[in-house]
């Protein structure tokens, strides 16, 4: 599962870089677009940060038990 998370994070980073490059040509100060863009970018940053700290929580429970050395029930 952590490999899938790593791939998703890499794709998210690539998409955000593409958005940044696309924004260079857009007059984003018109009609409140800049504020919408800022809200979106902040929410993506929060999501990315949360996901980057969660790979251990996404592993199957059995894998987490083996890693900690807990006995099986």
Protein backbone atom coordinates (compact mmCIF):
# COMPACT_ATOMS: atom_id res chain seq x y z
CA UNK A 1 0.00 0.00 0.00
CA UNK A 2 2.84 2.42 0.69
CA UNK A 3 4.07 2.02 -2.91
CA UNK A 4 0.62 3.09 -4.13
CA UNK A 5 0.76 6.07 -1.78
CA UNK A 6 4.20 7.04 -3.05
CA UNK A 7 2.96 6.86 -6.63
CA UNK A 8 -0.11 8.96 -5.80
CA UNK A 9 2.04 11.59 -4.08
CA UNK A 10 4.39 11.75 -7.06
CA UNK A 11 1.43 12.19 -9.42
CA UNK A 12 0.02 14.92 -7.18
CA UNK A 13 3.36 16.73 -7.19
CA UNK A 14 3.56 16.48 -10.98
CA UNK A 15 0.03 17.84 -11.37
CA UNK A 16 0.73 20.77 -9.06
CA UNK A 17 3.88 21.64 -11.03
CA UNK A 18 1.81 21.57 -14.23
CA UNK A 19 -0.76 23.84 -12.60
CA UNK A 20 1.94 26.29 -11.56
CA UNK A 21 3.29 26.44 -15.12
CA UNK A 22 -0.21 26.85 -16.56
CA UNK A 23 -0.93 29.71 -14.16
CA UNK A 24 1.87 31.79 -15.64
CA UNK A 25 -0.26 32.57 -18.71
CA UNK A 26 -3.62 33.04 -16.96
CA UNK A 27 -4.69 36.47 -15.71
CA UNK A 28 -5.77 34.94 -12.40
CA UNK A 29 -6.46 38.20 -10.58
CA UNK A 30 -9.75 38.62 -12.43
CA UNK A 31 -13.09 37.67 -10.89
CA UNK A 32 -11.69 36.21 -7.68
CA UNK A 33 -9.80 33.42 -9.41
CA UNK A 34 -6.67 34.09 -7.39
CA UNK A 35 -8.45 33.52 -4.07
CA UNK A 36 -10.01 30.28 -5.37
CA UNK A 37 -6.63 29.16 -6.60
CA UNK A 38 -5.02 29.91 -3.23
CA UNK A 39 -7.71 27.97 -1.35
CA UNK A 40 -7.22 24.99 -3.67
CA UNK A 41 -3.43 25.03 -3.37
CA UNK A 42 -3.59 25.23 0.43
CA UNK A 43 -6.03 22.32 0.62
CA UNK A 44 -3.81 20.21 -1.66
CA UNK A 45 -0.82 21.05 0.53
CA UNK A 46 -2.69 19.93 3.66
CA UNK A 47 -3.76 16.71 1.92
CA UNK A 48 -0.24 16.01 0.70
CA UNK A 49 1.27 16.60 4.12
CA UNK A 50 -1.31 14.39 5.81
CA UNK A 51 -0.76 11.59 3.31
CA UNK A 52 3.02 11.80 3.52
CA UNK A 53 2.84 11.05 7.26
CA UNK A 54 0.38 8.16 6.92
CA UNK A 55 2.03 5.23 5.08
CA UNK A 56 2.25 3.11 8.23
CA UNK A 57 -1.47 3.60 8.87
CA UNK A 58 -2.36 2.33 5.39
CA UNK A 59 -0.58 -1.01 5.71
CA UNK A 60 -2.70 -4.08 6.45
CA UNK A 61 -3.11 -4.80 10.15
CA UNK A 62 -1.21 -8.09 9.88
CA UNK A 63 1.86 -6.34 8.47
CA UNK A 64 1.81 -3.78 11.30
CA UNK A 65 1.62 -6.58 13.89
CA UNK A 66 4.56 -8.43 12.34
CA UNK A 67 6.66 -5.31 12.34
CA UNK A 68 5.97 -4.55 16.00
CA UNK A 69 6.40 -8.16 17.00
CA UNK A 70 2.98 -8.50 18.62
CA UNK A 71 1.57 -12.01 18.92
CA UNK A 72 -1.28 -12.96 16.64
CA UNK A 73 -4.74 -13.41 18.08
